[in-house]
Structures are given as C-alpha cells and as structure tokens.
Amino acid sequence: MEKIKFDKLAYGDLHAISNAATKYAESIRYLCSRDNTSQQHIHASILNEFRFEVMKKLTKRGTSENNSFKLEIHTAFVLYDALQHYSNQTENQLEAAIIRRLIMNLFSLLPYTSDHETLSIMSDLNYEP
C-alpha cells in the first residue's frame, strides 16, 4: 500500500501534532461511548497507534528539527481530522498558525476522494465538546 511522506516537521510541529491528536482522542472516546459506531472505534484505534509514534519521536534523545512520518493513507486521513478538529480549539496563536500550516501541507499530500468536502468524522455531527 502506498504511503504518504509527511516531512520537514520541526520539533514544535511534533508538539502541535501531539496536542491535536490528544484532543481528538478525547473527543473520539466520548463519541465512542455516546454513539458506539464502528467508524469511531476505527478512528480511535488508528489514532492511538499514531499517538504512540508521535510520542516515540518526542521522547527520543536528540530529536532533530527535520522530522518525518511515513503515513498509511488511512492514518493520514485520521491525522487530518485531528488537525482540523484542533484548529478550532486552540487558543494559542502560534500553535494555531502551526496547525493551519500542517493542515495545508497534509491536505496537499492526501489523495483526492469523492467525499473530500466532508472528510471529518465530526463533519455531520456539529459536535462541540
């Protein structure tokens, strides 16, 4: 299966990604307990695996300023959801700018899909945690 190389990530980008993934995981856990749909459980599982990879990079000694991930396409879509979700929630202006840049960079790498207007698992829910 083809992988997406999400690269040129600074250490601050990794922190923003970690924060976005953590916040999205909280929302997904809530949705799993409330709605209990298979799509939500799949997102939660993919997100947990990705969060582990992010934490490995953040806790590694001598983390460089040029990090990258080789993402399976399904993981890239879940990460995109997490970044989109977090972009509306962070109050830190610097982190918000980092998140917007990451969203644009990741979106440019994603394959075109027929449902690109509603990629997010949250798009039809109008959910505010």
Protein backbone atom coordinates (compact mmCIF):
# COMPACT_ATOMS: atom_id res chain seq x y z
CA MET A 1 0.00 0.00 0.00
CA GLU A 2 1.23 3.47 -0.85
CA LYS A 3 2.45 5.66 1.99
CA ILE A 4 2.44 9.41 2.36
CA LYS A 5 5.66 11.08 3.49
CA PHE A 6 4.75 13.91 5.84
CA ASP A 7 8.14 15.56 6.31
CA LYS A 8 10.03 18.71 7.23
CA LEU A 9 8.43 18.74 10.66
CA ALA A 10 10.13 20.81 13.33
CA TYR A 11 10.09 19.84 16.99
CA GLY A 12 7.34 22.44 17.60
CA ASP A 13 5.28 20.81 14.84
CA LEU A 14 5.52 17.49 16.67
CA HIS A 15 4.19 19.14 19.84
CA ALA A 16 1.28 20.68 17.94
CA ILE A 17 0.52 17.32 16.30
CA SER A 18 0.65 15.62 19.71
CA ASN A 19 -1.72 18.19 21.21
CA ALA A 20 -4.13 17.83 18.28
CA ALA A 21 -4.06 14.04 18.46
CA THR A 22 -4.65 14.08 22.22
CA LYS A 23 -7.59 16.47 21.97
CA TYR A 24 -9.11 14.49 19.09
CA ALA A 25 -8.65 11.23 21.04
CA GLU A 26 -10.68 12.73 23.90
CA SER A 27 -13.48 13.65 21.50
CA ILE A 28 -13.39 10.25 19.79
CA ARG A 29 -13.53 8.44 23.15
CA TYR A 30 -16.60 10.49 24.04
CA LEU A 31 -18.23 9.72 20.68
CA CYS A 32 -17.43 6.01 21.07
CA SER A 33 -19.18 5.95 24.43
CA ARG A 34 -22.12 8.02 23.16
CA ASP A 35 -22.73 6.64 19.66
CA ASN A 36 -20.64 3.45 19.59
CA THR A 37 -20.17 3.32 15.80
CA SER A 38 -17.57 1.20 14.06
CA GLN A 39 -16.13 4.27 12.27
CA GLN A 40 -15.45 5.95 15.61
CA HIS A 41 -13.74 2.85 17.00
CA ILE A 42 -11.61 2.57 13.85
CA HIS A 43 -10.59 6.23 14.17
CA ALA A 44 -9.75 5.69 17.84
CA SER A 45 -7.59 2.65 17.08
CA ILE A 46 -5.69 4.36 14.24
CA LEU A 47 -5.23 7.48 16.34
CA ASN A 48 -3.85 5.52 19.31
CA GLU A 49 -1.23 3.88 17.10
CA PHE A 50 -0.26 7.22 15.60
CA ARG A 51 -0.05 8.91 19.02
CA PHE A 52 2.42 6.22 20.06
CA GLU A 53 4.60 7.05 17.03
CA VAL A 54 4.49 10.77 17.86
CA MET A 55 5.45 10.14 21.48
CA LYS A 56 8.40 7.99 20.36
CA LYS A 57 9.69 10.93 18.32
CA LEU A 58 9.09 13.47 21.09
CA THR A 59 10.83 11.42 23.77
CA LYS A 60 13.80 10.32 21.65
CA ARG A 61 17.08 11.90 22.65
CA GLY A 62 18.44 14.36 20.16
CA THR A 63 15.20 14.86 18.25
CA SER A 64 16.12 16.76 15.10
CA GLU A 65 14.44 19.78 13.61
CA ASN A 66 13.66 17.82 10.47
CA ASN A 67 11.28 15.02 11.43
CA SER A 68 9.02 12.98 9.20
CA PHE A 69 6.34 10.33 9.22
CA LYS A 70 5.61 7.75 6.55
CA LEU A 71 1.85 7.51 6.95
CA GLU A 72 -0.54 4.90 5.64
CA ILE A 73 -3.32 6.73 3.82
CA HIS A 74 -5.91 5.86 6.48
CA THR A 75 -3.62 7.27 9.18
CA ALA A 76 -3.10 10.46 7.16
CA PHE A 77 -6.86 10.97 6.92
CA VAL A 78 -7.28 10.48 10.67
CA LEU A 79 -4.42 12.90 11.34
CA TYR A 80 -6.08 15.41 9.02
CA ASP A 81 -9.29 15.04 11.05
CA ALA A 82 -7.36 15.57 14.28
CA LEU A 83 -5.66 18.72 12.98
CA GLN A 84 -8.95 20.11 11.64
CA HIS A 85 -10.67 19.39 14.95
CA TYR A 86 -7.90 21.03 16.97
CA SER A 87 -7.60 24.10 14.73
CA ASN A 88 -10.90 25.38 16.12
CA GLN A 89 -9.98 24.69 19.73
CA THR A 90 -6.50 26.00 20.39
CA GLU A 91 -6.26 29.50 21.83
CA ASN A 92 -2.50 29.76 21.35
CA GLN A 93 -1.97 31.91 18.23
CA LEU A 94 1.42 30.39 17.39
CA GLU A 95 0.10 26.86 17.70
CA ALA A 96 -2.98 27.78 15.64
CA ALA A 97 -0.70 29.05 12.85
CA ILE A 98 1.38 25.86 13.02
CA ILE A 99 -1.78 23.74 12.85
CA ARG A 100 -3.11 25.67 9.83
CA ARG A 101 0.20 25.18 8.01
CA LEU A 102 0.22 21.47 8.85
CA ILE A 103 -3.37 21.11 7.62
CA MET A 104 -2.49 22.72 4.29
CA ASN A 105 0.67 20.62 3.90
CA LEU A 106 -1.08 17.37 4.76
CA PHE A 107 -4.11 18.14 2.59
CA SER A 108 -1.81 18.65 -0.40
CA LEU A 109 -0.48 15.11 0.13
CA LEU A 110 -3.83 13.35 0.52
CA PRO A 111 -5.33 11.60 -2.48
CA TYR A 112 -8.43 13.18 -3.96
CA THR A 113 -11.59 11.44 -2.77
CA SER A 114 -15.22 11.90 -3.71
CA ASP A 115 -16.06 12.91 -0.13
CA HIS A 116 -13.25 15.47 0.26
CA GLU A 117 -15.72 18.13 1.41
CA THR A 118 -16.72 16.04 4.43
CA LEU A 119 -13.55 14.19 5.40
CA SER A 120 -14.03 14.55 9.12
CA ILE A 121 -15.83 12.01 11.24
CA MET A 122 -17.26 15.04 13.04
CA SER A 123 -18.48 16.86 9.92
CA ASP A 124 -22.07 15.64 10.11
CA LEU A 125 -22.38 15.82 13.88
CA ASN A 126 -21.96 19.51 14.68
CA TYR A 127 -20.41 18.32 17.90
CA GLU A 128 -18.92 20.77 20.36
CA PRO A 129 -17.21 19.10 23.36
